[in-house]
């Protein structure tokens, strides 16, 4: 009897190990899955799909135009190795009006940005992605994506959109920056370090000092005043910081941290059973505002 139970246990373990091994062979990349495997991937991800959001813009004299897209996909792909999710293909249709004067920049109209993003998440949801996680890799989307997230409350829907912002760089143990304080915002030490890990073959360190990434501070306005030309006033060459001091050590720390933060967010989102319920409750109440207790 004991031998029979032992054999049954071993057989069950063997079957589960085979099933687990098969599940691990599923690519997280949407575009790499067959139609049949896509169905399995959606079930394995519990309906959680990630939309890494980059941009096409100049990144100083030494980094590729697609830096934000390459970086965010690198971080996301590392994250989904820790917490499986289906990853949408390259997406770069964001806000970048401030870099239109630079070669290679692709700046879509605001209406196109919002419409295309809405259509994209809608199609993702139609394909089983009931929890769509937009992971931002571009600072110029910091206003666009919260606005888009808020706009999801305009009409009822059977899915939830989550926005994961730029990575937290204030982490204990992070290598000290060599850049001037407060001036490491674009193609500088941090972004260059990240690319030294994500795509070192595309980094031209010998060109990093051929342009200045110093703040030219050409507007004299109070900090409480905003104007769209603020970035150009500070960094007309679309370069902020000192890329030449970047190290692979910093990049490895930041990429690992970013991937871990994304993985932790994915895990929490998988466990979220309240978002859609609250959304549905909200939409029901919007149809009868006079009945809402005061």
Protein backbone atom coordinates (compact mmCIF):
# COMPACT_ATOMS: atom_id res chain seq x y z
CA UNK A 1 0.00 0.00 0.00
CA UNK A 2 2.79 2.38 0.96
CA UNK A 3 4.67 1.49 -2.22
CA UNK A 4 1.55 2.14 -4.31
CA UNK A 5 1.05 5.55 -2.70
CA UNK A 6 4.70 6.38 -3.25
CA UNK A 7 4.50 5.43 -6.91
CA UNK A 8 1.30 7.46 -7.35
CA UNK A 9 2.97 10.46 -5.74
CA UNK A 10 6.01 10.15 -7.96
CA UNK A 11 3.81 9.81 -11.06
CA UNK A 12 1.80 12.90 -10.10
CA UNK A 13 5.00 14.86 -9.53
CA UNK A 14 6.30 13.76 -12.91
CA UNK A 15 3.08 14.81 -14.68
CA UNK A 16 3.08 18.19 -12.92
CA UNK A 17 6.72 18.78 -13.77
CA UNK A 18 5.99 18.06 -17.44
CA UNK A 19 2.99 20.40 -17.38
CA UNK A 20 5.03 23.09 -15.68
CA UNK A 21 7.88 22.67 -18.15
CA UNK A 22 5.42 23.02 -21.02
CA UNK A 23 3.91 26.17 -19.53
CA UNK A 24 7.37 27.67 -19.20
CA UNK A 25 7.97 27.15 -22.91
CA UNK A 26 5.19 29.59 -23.74
CA UNK A 27 6.72 32.80 -24.99
CA UNK A 28 5.44 35.90 -23.19
CA UNK A 29 5.65 37.83 -26.48
CA UNK A 30 2.25 38.26 -28.12
CA UNK A 31 3.73 38.19 -31.63
CA UNK A 32 5.63 34.93 -31.07
CA UNK A 33 2.67 32.84 -29.93
CA UNK A 34 0.58 30.63 -32.21
CA UNK A 35 -3.18 31.14 -31.96
CA UNK A 36 -3.54 28.00 -29.87
CA UNK A 37 -0.66 28.90 -27.57
CA UNK A 38 -2.06 32.42 -27.23
CA UNK A 39 -5.16 30.98 -25.56
CA UNK A 40 -2.95 29.02 -23.15
CA UNK A 41 -0.82 32.09 -22.49
CA UNK A 42 -3.85 34.21 -21.59
CA UNK A 43 -4.99 31.56 -19.12
CA UNK A 44 -1.49 31.22 -17.68
CA UNK A 45 -1.22 34.99 -17.25
CA UNK A 46 -4.68 35.13 -15.61
CA UNK A 47 -5.70 37.69 -18.21
CA UNK A 48 -2.86 40.07 -17.34
CA UNK A 49 -1.21 41.63 -20.39
CA UNK A 50 1.52 44.25 -20.50
CA UNK A 51 1.82 47.13 -22.94
CA UNK A 52 5.41 48.50 -22.74
CA UNK A 53 5.13 52.13 -23.86
CA UNK A 54 8.15 53.78 -25.46
CA UNK A 55 8.74 56.54 -28.00
CA UNK A 56 10.88 57.48 -31.00
CA UNK A 57 13.02 60.54 -30.26
CA UNK A 58 16.59 61.73 -30.18
CA UNK A 59 18.56 60.58 -27.14
CA UNK A 60 21.60 62.81 -27.08
CA UNK A 61 24.40 62.22 -29.59
CA UNK A 62 25.19 58.71 -28.38
CA UNK A 63 22.00 56.69 -27.80
CA UNK A 64 19.52 55.23 -30.32
CA UNK A 65 16.24 56.92 -31.20
CA UNK A 66 14.31 54.00 -29.72
CA UNK A 67 16.07 54.08 -26.33
CA UNK A 68 12.87 54.36 -24.26
CA UNK A 69 11.20 51.56 -26.20
CA UNK A 70 14.24 49.28 -25.97
CA UNK A 71 14.74 49.95 -22.26
CA UNK A 72 11.14 49.44 -21.19
CA UNK A 73 10.76 46.22 -23.17
CA UNK A 74 14.00 44.90 -21.70
CA UNK A 75 12.74 45.58 -18.18
CA UNK A 76 9.31 44.11 -18.91
CA UNK A 77 10.74 40.96 -20.47
CA UNK A 78 12.85 40.41 -17.36
CA UNK A 79 9.80 41.06 -15.17
CA UNK A 80 7.59 38.50 -16.89
CA UNK A 81 10.24 35.86 -16.35
CA UNK A 82 9.49 36.41 -12.66
CA UNK A 83 5.71 36.87 -12.99
CA UNK A 84 4.31 35.59 -16.28
CA UNK A 85 2.19 37.90 -18.40
CA UNK A 86 1.59 38.35 -22.12
CA UNK A 87 3.57 41.25 -23.59
CA UNK A 88 2.18 43.36 -26.43
CA UNK A 89 4.49 44.18 -29.39
CA UNK A 90 6.52 47.38 -29.70
CA UNK A 91 4.41 50.46 -29.02
CA UNK A 92 5.74 53.98 -29.52
CA UNK A 93 2.67 56.13 -30.26
CA UNK A 94 3.04 58.57 -27.38
CA UNK A 95 3.57 62.24 -26.60
CA UNK A 96 6.79 63.77 -27.98
CA UNK A 97 5.88 67.17 -29.42
CA UNK A 98 8.85 68.75 -27.62
CA UNK A 99 11.35 66.88 -29.83
CA UNK A 100 9.86 67.50 -33.27
CA UNK A 101 12.85 69.64 -34.26
CA UNK A 102 15.16 66.60 -33.98
CA UNK A 103 15.66 63.98 -36.75
CA UNK A 104 13.94 60.65 -36.26
CA UNK A 105 11.23 61.92 -33.93
CA UNK A 106 7.73 60.58 -34.65
CA UNK A 107 5.08 62.78 -33.03
CA UNK A 108 1.46 61.79 -33.60
CA UNK A 109 -1.41 64.21 -32.97
CA UNK A 110 -2.92 64.09 -29.49
CA UNK A 111 -6.23 62.79 -30.85
CA UNK A 112 -4.41 59.98 -32.64
CA UNK A 113 -2.43 59.08 -29.51
CA UNK A 114 -5.54 58.77 -27.38
CA UNK A 115 -7.65 57.04 -30.02
CA UNK A 116 -4.97 54.52 -30.95
CA UNK A 117 -4.23 53.71 -27.31
CA UNK A 118 -7.93 53.24 -26.57
CA UNK A 119 -8.39 51.01 -29.60
CA UNK A 120 -5.30 49.03 -28.64
CA UNK A 121 -6.36 48.27 -25.07
CA UNK A 122 -9.88 47.54 -26.29
CA UNK A 123 -8.52 44.95 -28.74
CA UNK A 124 -6.26 43.52 -26.06
CA UNK A 125 -9.29 43.13 -23.79
CA UNK A 126 -11.35 41.53 -26.58
CA UNK A 127 -8.60 38.93 -26.80
CA UNK A 128 -8.84 38.04 -23.12
CA UNK A 129 -6.63 40.70 -21.52
CA UNK A 130 -9.04 41.81 -18.83
CA UNK A 131 -6.22 43.47 -16.91
CA UNK A 132 -4.13 45.69 -19.19
CA UNK A 133 -0.94 47.03 -17.62
CA UNK A 134 0.65 49.97 -19.43
CA UNK A 135 4.31 50.24 -18.38
CA UNK A 136 5.70 53.66 -19.19
CA UNK A 137 9.27 54.03 -20.43
CA UNK A 138 9.15 57.69 -21.52
CA UNK A 139 9.00 60.81 -19.35
CA UNK A 140 6.96 62.67 -21.96
CA UNK A 141 4.05 60.31 -21.23
CA UNK A 142 3.84 61.28 -17.55
CA UNK A 143 0.81 63.48 -18.23
CA UNK A 144 -0.68 61.49 -21.11
CA UNK A 145 -0.99 58.13 -19.35
CA UNK A 146 -2.68 59.30 -16.11
CA UNK A 147 -5.13 61.24 -18.30
CA UNK A 148 -5.76 58.10 -20.35
CA UNK A 149 -6.22 56.06 -17.18
CA UNK A 150 -8.74 58.55 -15.84
CA UNK A 151 -10.61 58.54 -19.17
CA UNK A 152 -11.40 54.86 -18.65
CA UNK A 153 -14.17 56.03 -16.33
CA UNK A 154 -15.98 57.77 -19.19
CA UNK A 155 -17.89 54.68 -20.37
CA UNK A 156 -18.51 51.14 -19.07
CA UNK A 157 -16.02 48.43 -19.99
CA UNK A 158 -15.32 44.84 -18.93
CA UNK A 159 -11.61 45.34 -18.33
CA UNK A 160 -9.34 47.43 -16.12
CA UNK A 161 -6.40 49.55 -17.26
CA UNK A 162 -3.46 49.95 -14.88
CA UNK A 163 -0.61 52.41 -15.45
CA UNK A 164 2.85 51.62 -14.09
CA UNK A 165 4.98 54.75 -14.08
CA UNK A 166 8.68 55.29 -14.53
CA UNK A 167 10.95 53.28 -12.21
CA UNK A 168 11.76 54.35 -8.69
CA UNK A 169 15.43 55.38 -8.65
CA UNK A 170 15.59 56.24 -4.96
CA UNK A 171 16.46 52.73 -3.85
CA UNK A 172 18.90 51.78 -1.07
CA UNK A 173 22.16 50.40 -2.40
CA UNK A 174 21.96 52.23 -5.72
CA UNK A 175 25.42 53.31 -6.98
CA UNK A 176 25.99 57.04 -6.46
CA UNK A 177 25.52 59.24 -9.53
CA UNK A 178 28.42 61.22 -10.89
CA UNK A 179 26.18 63.69 -12.73
CA UNK A 180 25.44 67.24 -11.54
CA UNK A 181 22.51 67.14 -9.07
CA UNK A 182 19.08 67.51 -10.70
CA UNK A 183 20.34 67.21 -14.26
CA UNK A 184 20.02 63.61 -15.35
CA UNK A 185 16.69 63.61 -17.15
CA UNK A 186 17.30 62.50 -20.74
CA UNK A 187 20.10 60.47 -22.33
CA UNK A 188 22.24 61.23 -19.31
CA UNK A 189 23.99 58.94 -16.86
CA UNK A 190 20.94 56.84 -15.90
CA UNK A 191 19.53 56.21 -19.37
CA UNK A 192 22.97 55.56 -20.80
CA UNK A 193 23.71 53.08 -18.00
CA UNK A 194 20.44 51.26 -18.68
CA UNK A 195 21.25 50.97 -22.37
CA UNK A 196 24.73 49.66 -21.55
CA UNK A 197 22.83 46.66 -20.18
CA UNK A 198 19.80 46.46 -22.48
CA UNK A 199 21.56 47.12 -25.81
CA UNK A 200 25.26 47.88 -25.36
CA UNK A 201 25.79 47.40 -29.09
CA UNK A 202 23.79 50.58 -29.76
CA UNK A 203 25.61 52.85 -27.31
CA UNK A 204 28.28 55.19 -28.71
CA UNK A 205 30.13 56.33 -25.61
CA UNK A 206 32.76 58.10 -27.71
CA UNK A 207 30.05 60.57 -28.85
CA UNK A 208 28.52 61.27 -25.43
CA UNK A 209 30.47 64.50 -24.89
CA UNK A 210 30.11 65.82 -28.44
CA UNK A 211 27.06 67.83 -27.31
CA UNK A 212 26.24 69.51 -24.04
CA UNK A 213 23.49 68.19 -21.80
CA UNK A 214 23.65 71.21 -19.49
CA UNK A 215 20.52 73.10 -18.44
CA UNK A 216 20.43 76.36 -20.42
CA UNK A 217 17.60 77.74 -18.27
CA UNK A 218 16.38 80.24 -20.85
CA UNK A 219 13.01 80.92 -19.16
CA UNK A 220 12.82 83.04 -16.01
CA UNK A 221 9.46 82.01 -14.55
CA UNK A 222 8.25 80.91 -11.10
CA UNK A 223 8.20 77.17 -10.51
CA UNK A 224 4.40 77.23 -10.23
CA UNK A 225 4.06 78.45 -13.84
CA UNK A 226 3.89 75.86 -16.62
CA UNK A 227 4.40 76.37 -20.35
CA UNK A 228 4.89 73.71 -23.00
CA UNK A 229 8.16 75.21 -24.21
CA UNK A 230 9.85 74.61 -20.84
CA UNK A 231 11.83 71.58 -22.01
CA UNK A 232 13.15 73.25 -25.16
CA UNK A 233 14.08 76.28 -23.10
CA UNK A 234 16.27 74.12 -20.90
CA UNK A 235 17.57 71.48 -23.32
CA UNK A 236 17.30 72.59 -26.98
CA UNK A 237 19.53 69.70 -28.14
CA UNK A 238 17.24 67.18 -26.42
CA UNK A 239 19.98 66.03 -24.11
CA UNK A 240 19.93 66.40 -20.34
CA UNK A 241 22.80 65.11 -18.24
CA UNK A 242 26.20 63.56 -18.69
CA UNK A 243 26.09 60.27 -20.55
CA UNK A 244 29.84 59.80 -20.61
CA UNK A 245 30.01 58.97 -16.88
CA UNK A 246 27.51 56.08 -17.09
CA UNK A 247 28.57 52.63 -15.90
CA UNK A 248 27.27 49.14 -16.51
CA UNK A 249 27.15 48.67 -12.74
CA UNK A 250 24.52 51.40 -12.42
CA UNK A 251 22.59 50.00 -15.38
CA UNK A 252 22.50 46.48 -13.96
CA UNK A 253 21.22 47.78 -10.61
CA UNK A 254 18.53 49.93 -12.21
CA UNK A 255 17.36 47.29 -14.66
CA UNK A 256 17.09 44.63 -11.95
CA UNK A 257 15.22 47.05 -9.72
CA UNK A 258 12.85 48.10 -12.50
CA UNK A 259 12.11 44.49 -13.47
CA UNK A 260 11.50 43.53 -9.85
CA UNK A 261 9.13 46.46 -9.33
CA UNK A 262 7.17 45.55 -12.47
CA UNK A 263 6.99 41.88 -11.43
CA UNK A 264 5.71 42.88 -7.99
CA UNK A 265 3.07 45.09 -9.62
CA UNK A 266 1.99 42.25 -11.94
CA UNK A 267 1.61 39.92 -8.97
CA UNK A 268 -0.54 42.47 -7.14
CA UNK A 269 -2.64 43.11 -10.24
CA UNK A 270 -3.27 39.38 -10.69
CA UNK A 271 -4.54 39.28 -7.10
CA UNK A 272 -6.76 42.36 -7.56
CA UNK A 273 -10.38 41.19 -7.37
CA UNK A 274 -11.81 44.59 -6.49
CA UNK A 275 -10.85 46.84 -9.42
CA UNK A 276 -13.42 45.55 -11.90
CA UNK A 277 -16.11 45.17 -9.21
CA UNK A 278 -15.66 48.78 -8.14
CA UNK A 279 -15.58 49.92 -11.75
CA UNK A 280 -18.89 48.15 -12.44
CA UNK A 281 -20.41 49.55 -9.26
CA UNK A 282 -19.31 53.03 -10.29
CA UNK A 283 -20.76 52.74 -13.80
CA UNK A 284 -24.08 51.49 -12.41
CA UNK A 285 -24.28 54.49 -10.09
CA UNK A 286 -23.49 56.91 -12.93
CA UNK A 287 -26.80 55.91 -14.53
CA UNK A 288 -28.74 56.96 -11.42
CA UNK A 289 -26.88 59.85 -9.78
CA UNK A 290 -29.97 61.08 -7.90
CA UNK A 291 -30.14 57.74 -6.12
CA UNK A 292 -26.61 58.03 -4.75
CA UNK A 293 -26.88 58.55 -0.97
CA UNK A 294 -25.84 62.02 0.16
